[in-house]
PDB file of all heavy atoms in Angstrom:
ATOM      1  N   VAL A   1      91.820 218.415   1.671  1.00  0.00           N
ATOM      2  CA  VAL A   1      92.557 218.288   2.934  1.00  0.00           C
ATOM      3  C   VAL A   1      93.891 218.928   2.738  1.00  0.00           C
ATOM      4  O   VAL A   1      94.654 218.474   1.816  1.00  0.00           O
ATOM      5  CB  VAL A   1      92.790 216.893   3.405  1.00  0.00           C
ATOM      6  CG1 VAL A   1      93.616 216.876   4.710  1.00  0.00           C
ATOM      7  CG2 VAL A   1      91.464 216.126   3.670  1.00  0.00           C
ATOM      8  N   LYS A   2      94.093 219.987   3.452  1.00  0.00           N
ATOM      9  CA  LYS A   2      95.470 220.624   3.445  1.00  0.00           C
ATOM     10  C   LYS A   2      96.089 220.505   4.886  1.00  0.00           C
ATOM     11  O   LYS A   2      95.248 220.819   5.880  1.00  0.00           O
ATOM     12  CB  LYS A   2      95.386 222.107   3.084  1.00  0.00           C
ATOM     13  CG  LYS A   2      95.088 222.269   1.582  1.00  0.00           C
ATOM     14  CD  LYS A   2      95.337 223.728   1.146  1.00  0.00           C
ATOM     15  CE  LYS A   2      95.014 223.952  -0.319  1.00  0.00           C
ATOM     16  NZ  LYS A   2      96.278 223.791  -1.141  1.00  0.00           N
ATOM     17  N   ALA A   3      97.291 220.116   5.045  1.00  0.00           N
ATOM     18  CA  ALA A   3      97.903 219.970   6.376  1.00  0.00           C
ATOM     19  C   ALA A   3      99.360 220.236   6.166  1.00  0.00           C
ATOM     20  O   ALA A   3      99.892 220.395   5.020  1.00  0.00           O
ATOM     21  CB  ALA A   3      97.682 218.505   6.908  1.00  0.00           C
ATOM     22  N   LEU A   4     100.059 220.370   7.319  1.00  0.00           N
ATOM     23  CA  LEU A   4     101.566 220.651   7.213  1.00  0.00           C
ATOM     24  C   LEU A   4     102.345 219.525   6.768  1.00  0.00           C
ATOM     25  O   LEU A   4     103.244 219.604   6.015  1.00  0.00           O
ATOM     26  CB  LEU A   4     102.044 221.119   8.614  1.00  0.00           C
ATOM     27  CG  LEU A   4     101.454 222.366   9.115  1.00  0.00           C
ATOM     28  CD1 LEU A   4     102.055 222.621  10.612  1.00  0.00           C
ATOM     29  CD2 LEU A   4     101.784 223.462   8.209  1.00  0.00           C
ATOM     30  N   ASN A   5     101.942 218.205   7.202  1.00  0.00           N
ATOM     31  CA  ASN A   5     102.718 217.087   6.894  1.00  0.00           C
ATOM     32  C   ASN A   5     101.980 215.831   7.384  1.00  0.00           C
ATOM     33  O   ASN A   5     100.839 215.899   7.859  1.00  0.00           O
ATOM     34  CB  ASN A   5     104.162 217.096   7.525  1.00  0.00           C
ATOM     35  CG  ASN A   5     105.263 216.471   6.534  1.00  0.00           C
ATOM     36  OD1 ASN A   5     104.926 215.517   5.987  1.00  0.00           O
ATOM     37  ND2 ASN A   5     106.312 217.172   6.538  1.00  0.00           N
ATOM     38  N   THR A   6     102.670 214.661   7.276  1.00  0.00           N
ATOM     39  CA  THR A   6     102.014 213.379   7.742  1.00  0.00           C
ATOM     40  C   THR A   6     102.921 212.972   8.856  1.00  0.00           C
ATOM     41  O   THR A   6     104.049 213.204   8.998  1.00  0.00           O
ATOM     42  CB  THR A   6     101.994 212.348   6.674  1.00  0.00           C
ATOM     43  OG1 THR A   6     103.383 212.087   6.199  1.00  0.00           O
ATOM     44  CG2 THR A   6     101.179 212.741   5.479  1.00  0.00           C
ATOM     45  N   TYR A   7     102.214 212.127   9.750  1.00  0.00           N
ATOM     46  CA  TYR A   7     102.934 211.470  10.898  1.00  0.00           C
ATOM     47  C   TYR A   7     102.016 210.221  11.266  1.00  0.00           C
ATOM     48  O   TYR A   7     100.869 210.374  11.434  1.00  0.00           O
ATOM     49  CB  TYR A   7     103.123 212.458  12.097  1.00  0.00           C
ATOM     50  CG  TYR A   7     104.186 212.046  13.082  1.00  0.00           C
ATOM     51  CD1 TYR A   7     105.492 212.183  12.731  1.00  0.00           C
ATOM     52  CD2 TYR A   7     103.784 211.536  14.319  1.00  0.00           C
ATOM     53  CE1 TYR A   7     106.441 211.821  13.656  1.00  0.00           C
ATOM     54  CE2 TYR A   7     104.675 211.255  15.278  1.00  0.00           C
ATOM     55  CZ  TYR A   7     106.142 211.335  14.893  1.00  0.00           C
ATOM     56  OH  TYR A   7     107.060 210.993  15.815  1.00  0.00           O
ATOM     57  N   PRO A   8     102.715 209.162  11.464  1.00  0.00           N
ATOM     58  CA  PRO A   8     101.816 207.858  11.671  1.00  0.00           C
ATOM     59  C   PRO A   8     101.207 207.709  13.015  1.00  0.00           C
ATOM     60  O   PRO A   8     100.277 206.868  13.083  1.00  0.00           O
ATOM     61  CB  PRO A   8     102.874 206.758  11.304  1.00  0.00           C
ATOM     62  CG  PRO A   8     104.219 207.285  11.677  1.00  0.00           C
ATOM     63  CD  PRO A   8     104.080 208.787  11.281  1.00  0.00           C
ATOM     64  N   LEU A   9     101.630 208.440  14.011  1.00  0.00           N
ATOM     65  CA  LEU A   9     101.051 208.226  15.424  1.00  0.00           C
ATOM     66  C   LEU A   9      99.767 208.950  15.573  1.00  0.00           C
ATOM     67  O   LEU A   9      99.536 210.130  15.138  1.00  0.00           O
ATOM     68  CB  LEU A   9     102.115 208.784  16.396  1.00  0.00           C
ATOM     69  CG  LEU A   9     101.768 208.678  17.849  1.00  0.00           C
ATOM     70  CD1 LEU A   9     101.741 207.195  18.258  1.00  0.00           C
ATOM     71  CD2 LEU A   9     102.654 209.480  18.780  1.00  0.00           C
ATOM     72  N   LYS A  10      98.808 208.232  16.156  1.00  0.00           N
ATOM     73  CA  LYS A  10      97.446 208.832  16.413  1.00  0.00           C
ATOM     74  C   LYS A  10      97.557 209.777  17.631  1.00  0.00           C
ATOM     75  O   LYS A  10      98.554 209.743  18.367  1.00  0.00           O
ATOM     76  CB  LYS A  10      96.402 207.781  16.727  1.00  0.00           C
ATOM     77  CG  LYS A  10      96.620 206.998  18.004  1.00  0.00           C
ATOM     78  CD  LYS A  10      95.531 205.951  18.177  1.00  0.00           C
ATOM     79  CE  LYS A  10      95.735 205.159  19.485  1.00  0.00           C
ATOM     80  NZ  LYS A  10      94.744 204.181  19.707  1.00  0.00           N
ATOM     81  N   SER A  11      96.644 210.629  17.732  1.00  0.00           N
ATOM     82  CA  SER A  11      96.571 211.673  18.705  1.00  0.00           C
ATOM     83  C   SER A  11      96.048 211.143  20.132  1.00  0.00           C
ATOM     84  O   SER A  11      95.567 210.044  20.187  1.00  0.00           O
ATOM     85  CB  SER A  11      95.709 212.861  18.321  1.00  0.00           C
ATOM     86  OG  SER A  11      94.411 212.536  18.565  1.00  0.00           O
ATOM     87  N   LEU A  12      96.170 211.986  21.136  1.00  0.00           N
ATOM     88  CA  LEU A  12      95.574 211.717  22.402  1.00  0.00           C
ATOM     89  C   LEU A  12      94.044 211.943  22.356  1.00  0.00           C
ATOM     90  O   LEU A  12      93.540 212.426  21.394  1.00  0.00           O
ATOM     91  CB  LEU A  12      96.132 212.682  23.452  1.00  0.00           C
ATOM     92  CG  LEU A  12      97.587 212.642  23.620  1.00  0.00           C
ATOM     93  CD1 LEU A  12      98.083 213.878  24.574  1.00  0.00           C
ATOM     94  CD2 LEU A  12      98.183 211.306  24.227  1.00  0.00           C
ATOM     95  N   LYS A  13      93.333 211.462  23.309  1.00  0.00           N
ATOM     96  CA  LYS A  13      91.969 211.551  23.369  1.00  0.00           C
ATOM     97  C   LYS A  13      91.502 212.063  24.812  1.00  0.00           C
ATOM     98  O   LYS A  13      91.143 211.337  25.618  1.00  0.00           O
ATOM     99  CB  LYS A  13      91.252 210.082  23.134  1.00  0.00           C
ATOM    100  CG  LYS A  13      91.794 209.416  21.922  1.00  0.00           C
ATOM    101  CD  LYS A  13      91.167 210.014  20.630  1.00  0.00           C
ATOM    102  CE  LYS A  13      91.470 209.152  19.404  1.00  0.00           C
ATOM    103  NZ  LYS A  13      92.510 209.647  18.635  1.00  0.00           N
ATOM    104  N   ARG A  14      91.682 213.413  24.953  1.00  0.00           N
ATOM    105  CA  ARG A  14      91.298 213.949  26.254  1.00  0.00           C
ATOM    106  C   ARG A  14      90.026 214.931  26.158  1.00  0.00           C
ATOM    107  O   ARG A  14      89.526 215.223  27.115  1.00  0.00           O
ATOM    108  CB  ARG A  14      92.426 214.799  26.759  1.00  0.00           C
ATOM    109  CG  ARG A  14      93.751 213.976  27.072  1.00  0.00           C
ATOM    110  CD  ARG A  14      94.835 214.829  27.542  1.00  0.00           C
ATOM    111  NE  ARG A  14      95.078 215.903  26.556  1.00  0.00           N
ATOM    112  CZ  ARG A  14      96.253 216.471  26.271  1.00  0.00           C
ATOM    113  NH1 ARG A  14      97.258 216.149  26.956  1.00  0.00           N
ATOM    114  NH2 ARG A  14      96.330 217.263  25.319  1.00  0.00           N
ATOM    115  N   GLY A  15      89.674 215.233  24.905  1.00  0.00           N
ATOM    116  CA  GLY A  15      88.505 215.997  24.713  1.00  0.00           C
ATOM    117  C   GLY A  15      88.739 217.495  25.017  1.00  0.00           C
ATOM    118  O   GLY A  15      87.794 218.251  25.318  1.00  0.00           O
ATOM    119  N   LEU A  16      90.023 217.950  24.939  1.00  0.00           N
ATOM    120  CA  LEU A  16      90.264 219.346  25.305  1.00  0.00           C
ATOM    121  C   LEU A  16      90.359 220.124  23.992  1.00  0.00           C
ATOM    122  O   LEU A  16      90.790 219.727  22.863  1.00  0.00           O
ATOM    123  CB  LEU A  16      91.661 219.413  26.004  1.00  0.00           C
ATOM    124  CG  LEU A  16      91.805 218.616  27.299  1.00  0.00           C
ATOM    125  CD1 LEU A  16      93.173 218.758  27.843  1.00  0.00           C
ATOM    126  CD2 LEU A  16      90.764 219.118  28.338  1.00  0.00           C
ATOM    127  N   GLY A  17      89.951 221.436  24.119  1.00  0.00           N
ATOM    128  CA  GLY A  17      90.046 222.299  22.974  1.00  0.00           C
ATOM    129  C   GLY A  17      88.834 223.278  23.041  1.00  0.00           C
ATOM    130  O   GLY A  17      87.960 223.285  23.804  1.00  0.00           O
ATOM    131  N   ASP A  18      88.879 224.225  21.937  1.00  0.00           N
ATOM    132  CA  ASP A  18      87.830 225.150  21.777  1.00  0.00           C
ATOM    133  C   ASP A  18      87.161 225.082  20.406  1.00  0.00           C
ATOM    134  O   ASP A  18      87.857 224.814  19.400  1.00  0.00           O
ATOM    135  CB  ASP A  18      88.396 226.709  21.947  1.00  0.00           C
ATOM    136  CG  ASP A  18      88.886 226.856  23.399  1.00  0.00           C
ATOM    137  OD1 ASP A  18      88.055 226.722  24.298  1.00  0.00           O
ATOM    138  OD2 ASP A  18      90.139 227.131  23.508  1.00  0.00           O
ATOM    139  N   LYS A  19      85.881 225.243  20.354  1.00  0.00           N
ATOM    140  CA  LYS A  19      85.162 225.167  19.065  1.00  0.00           C
ATOM    141  C   LYS A  19      84.654 226.549  18.704  1.00  0.00           C
ATOM    142  O   LYS A  19      84.196 227.393  19.420  1.00  0.00           O
ATOM    143  CB  LYS A  19      83.930 224.210  19.190  1.00  0.00           C
ATOM    144  CG  LYS A  19      84.292 222.809  19.411  1.00  0.00           C
ATOM    145  CD  LYS A  19      83.078 222.029  19.995  1.00  0.00           C
ATOM    146  CE  LYS A  19      82.099 221.609  18.843  1.00  0.00           C
ATOM    147  NZ  LYS A  19      81.100 220.646  19.430  1.00  0.00           N
ATOM    148  N   ASN A  20      84.774 226.740  17.333  1.00  0.00           N
ATOM    149  CA  ASN A  20      84.171 227.964  16.715  1.00  0.00           C
ATOM    150  C   ASN A  20      84.602 229.307  17.373  1.00  0.00           C
ATOM    151  O   ASN A  20      83.737 230.129  17.808  1.00  0.00           O
ATOM    152  CB  ASN A  20      82.597 227.818  16.617  1.00  0.00           C
ATOM    153  CG  ASN A  20      82.228 226.898  15.529  1.00  0.00           C
ATOM    154  OD1 ASN A  20      82.911 226.889  14.440  1.00  0.00           O
ATOM    155  ND2 ASN A  20      81.367 226.029  15.770  1.00  0.00           N
ATOM    156  N   ILE A  21      85.904 229.377  17.564  1.00  0.00           N
ATOM    157  CA  ILE A  21      86.511 230.663  17.945  1.00  0.00           C
ATOM    158  C   ILE A  21      87.505 231.130  16.908  1.00  0.00           C
ATOM    159  O   ILE A  21      87.904 230.291  16.036  1.00  0.00           O
ATOM    160  CB  ILE A  21      87.311 230.525  19.304  1.00  0.00           C
ATOM    161  CG1 ILE A  21      88.442 229.582  19.064  1.00  0.00           C
ATOM    162  CG2 ILE A  21      86.340 230.138  20.491  1.00  0.00           C
ATOM    163  CD1 ILE A  21      89.463 229.614  20.241  1.00  0.00           C
ATOM    164  N   ALA A  22      87.754 232.398  16.803  1.00  0.00           N
ATOM    165  CA  ALA A  22      88.737 232.923  15.881  1.00  0.00           C
ATOM    166  C   ALA A  22      90.172 232.273  16.188  1.00  0.00           C
ATOM    167  O   ALA A  22      90.519 232.230  17.392  1.00  0.00           O
ATOM    168  CB  ALA A  22      88.864 234.364  15.865  1.00  0.00           C
ATOM    169  N   VAL A  23      90.839 231.668  15.251  1.00  0.00           N
ATOM    170  CA  VAL A  23      92.213 231.152  15.379  1.00  0.00           C
ATOM    171  C   VAL A  23      93.062 231.763  14.381  1.00  0.00           C
ATOM    172  O   VAL A  23      92.719 232.263  13.345  1.00  0.00           O
ATOM    173  CB  VAL A  23      92.155 229.568  15.190  1.00  0.00           C
ATOM    174  CG1 VAL A  23      91.306 228.976  16.205  1.00  0.00           C
ATOM    175  CG2 VAL A  23      91.709 229.191  13.706  1.00  0.00           C
ATOM    176  N   ARG A  24      94.392 231.913  14.765  1.00  0.00           N
ATOM    177  CA  ARG A  24      95.341 232.477  13.917  1.00  0.00           C
ATOM    178  C   ARG A  24      96.622 231.626  13.802  1.00  0.00           C
ATOM    179  O   ARG A  24      97.234 231.162  14.713  1.00  0.00           O
ATOM    180  CB  ARG A  24      95.768 233.924  14.495  1.00  0.00           C
ATOM    181  CG  ARG A  24      96.708 234.640  13.556  1.00  0.00           C
ATOM    182  CD  ARG A  24      97.025 236.111  14.023  1.00  0.00           C
ATOM    183  NE  ARG A  24      97.950 236.702  13.158  1.00  0.00           N
ATOM    184  CZ  ARG A  24      97.694 237.087  11.974  1.00  0.00           C
ATOM    185  NH1 ARG A  24      96.555 237.137  11.475  1.00  0.00           N
ATOM    186  NH2 ARG A  24      98.726 237.728  11.285  1.00  0.00           N
ATOM    187  N   PHE A  25      96.889 231.364  12.457  1.00  0.00           N
ATOM    188  CA  PHE A  25      98.151 230.733  12.111  1.00  0.00           C
ATOM    189  C   PHE A  25      98.426 231.045  10.664  1.00  0.00           C
ATOM    190  O   PHE A  25      97.567 231.584   9.930  1.00  0.00           O
ATOM    191  CB  PHE A  25      98.103 229.230  12.274  1.00  0.00           C
ATOM    192  CG  PHE A  25      96.992 228.550  11.729  1.00  0.00           C
ATOM    193  CD1 PHE A  25      97.194 228.018  10.375  1.00  0.00           C
ATOM    194  CD2 PHE A  25      95.733 228.258  12.276  1.00  0.00           C
ATOM    195  CE1 PHE A  25      96.048 227.391   9.758  1.00  0.00           C
ATOM    196  CE2 PHE A  25      94.796 227.539  11.729  1.00  0.00           C
ATOM    197  CZ  PHE A  25      94.900 227.155  10.440  1.00  0.00           C
ATOM    198  N   ALA A  26      99.651 230.811  10.220  1.00  0.00           N
ATOM    199  CA  ALA A  26     100.012 231.071   8.821  1.00  0.00           C
ATOM    200  C   ALA A  26      99.671 232.432   8.347  1.00  0.00           C
ATOM    201  O   ALA A  26      99.247 232.754   7.145  1.00  0.00           O
ATOM    202  CB  ALA A  26      99.299 230.008   7.840  1.00  0.00           C
ATOM    203  N   GLU A  27      99.825 233.400   9.225  1.00  0.00           N
ATOM    204  CA  GLU A  27      99.741 234.848   8.918  1.00  0.00           C
ATOM    205  C   GLU A  27      98.314 235.329   8.738  1.00  0.00           C
ATOM    206  O   GLU A  27      98.040 236.412   8.232  1.00  0.00           O
ATOM    207  CB  GLU A  27     100.677 235.240   7.902  1.00  0.00           C
ATOM    208  CG  GLU A  27     102.117 235.059   8.100  1.00  0.00           C
ATOM    209  CD  GLU A  27     103.019 235.290   6.912  1.00  0.00           C
ATOM    210  OE1 GLU A  27     102.559 236.059   5.964  1.00  0.00           O
ATOM    211  OE2 GLU A  27     104.179 234.881   6.947  1.00  0.00           O
ATOM    212  N   VAL A  28      97.353 234.550   9.091  1.00  0.00           N
ATOM    213  CA  VAL A  28      95.934 234.880   8.864  1.00  0.00           C
ATOM    214  C   VAL A  28      95.082 234.434  10.079  1.00  0.00           C
ATOM    215  O   VAL A  28      95.306 233.422  10.708  1.00  0.00           O
ATOM    216  CB  VAL A  28      95.368 234.029   7.571  1.00  0.00           C
ATOM    217  CG1 VAL A  28      93.841 234.130   7.472  1.00  0.00           C
ATOM    218  CG2 VAL A  28      96.004 234.697   6.354  1.00  0.00           C
ATOM    219  N   THR A  29      94.146 235.258  10.386  1.00  0.00           N
ATOM    220  CA  THR A  29      93.008 234.920  11.366  1.00  0.00           C
ATOM    221  C   THR A  29      91.928 234.289  10.619  1.00  0.00           C
ATOM    222  O   THR A  29      91.414 234.877   9.632  1.00  0.00           O
ATOM    223  CB  THR A  29      92.588 236.185  12.110  1.00  0.00           C
ATOM    224  OG1 THR A  29      93.661 236.728  12.837  1.00  0.00           O
ATOM    225  CG2 THR A  29      91.487 235.831  13.145  1.00  0.00           C
ATOM    226  N   PHE A  30      91.421 233.095  11.088  1.00  0.00           N
ATOM    227  CA  PHE A  30      90.290 232.387  10.484  1.00  0.00           C
ATOM    228  C   PHE A  30      89.110 232.561  11.545  1.00  0.00           C
ATOM    229  O   PHE A  30      89.176 232.122  12.638  1.00  0.00           O
ATOM    230  CB  PHE A  30      90.626 230.916  10.385  1.00  0.00           C
ATOM    231  CG  PHE A  30      91.834 230.580   9.509  1.00  0.00           C
ATOM    232  CD1 PHE A  30      93.188 230.714   9.920  1.00  0.00           C
ATOM    233  CD2 PHE A  30      91.644 230.282   8.113  1.00  0.00           C
ATOM    234  CE1 PHE A  30      94.242 230.358   9.165  1.00  0.00           C
ATOM    235  CE2 PHE A  30      92.749 229.919   7.370  1.00  0.00           C
ATOM    236  CZ  PHE A  30      94.078 230.087   7.852  1.00  0.00           C
ATOM    237  N   THR A  31      88.145 233.144  11.006  1.00  0.00           N
ATOM    238  CA  THR A  31      86.965 233.482  11.890  1.00  0.00           C
ATOM    239  C   THR A  31      85.760 232.692  11.405  1.00  0.00           C
ATOM    240  O   THR A  31      85.421 232.676  10.209  1.00  0.00           O
ATOM    241  CB  THR A  31      86.571 235.092  11.851  1.00  0.00           C
ATOM    242  OG1 THR A  31      87.779 235.795  12.176  1.00  0.00           O
ATOM    243  CG2 THR A  31      85.376 235.349  12.713  1.00  0.00           C
TER     244      THR A  31
END
């Protein structure tokens, strides 16, 4: 597990987002 940091609050639960698409962060595209 690699992540930016920790935070104790849980996330929202709306079911929004995209699966298995190219994403880009940290100067790299992850395909």
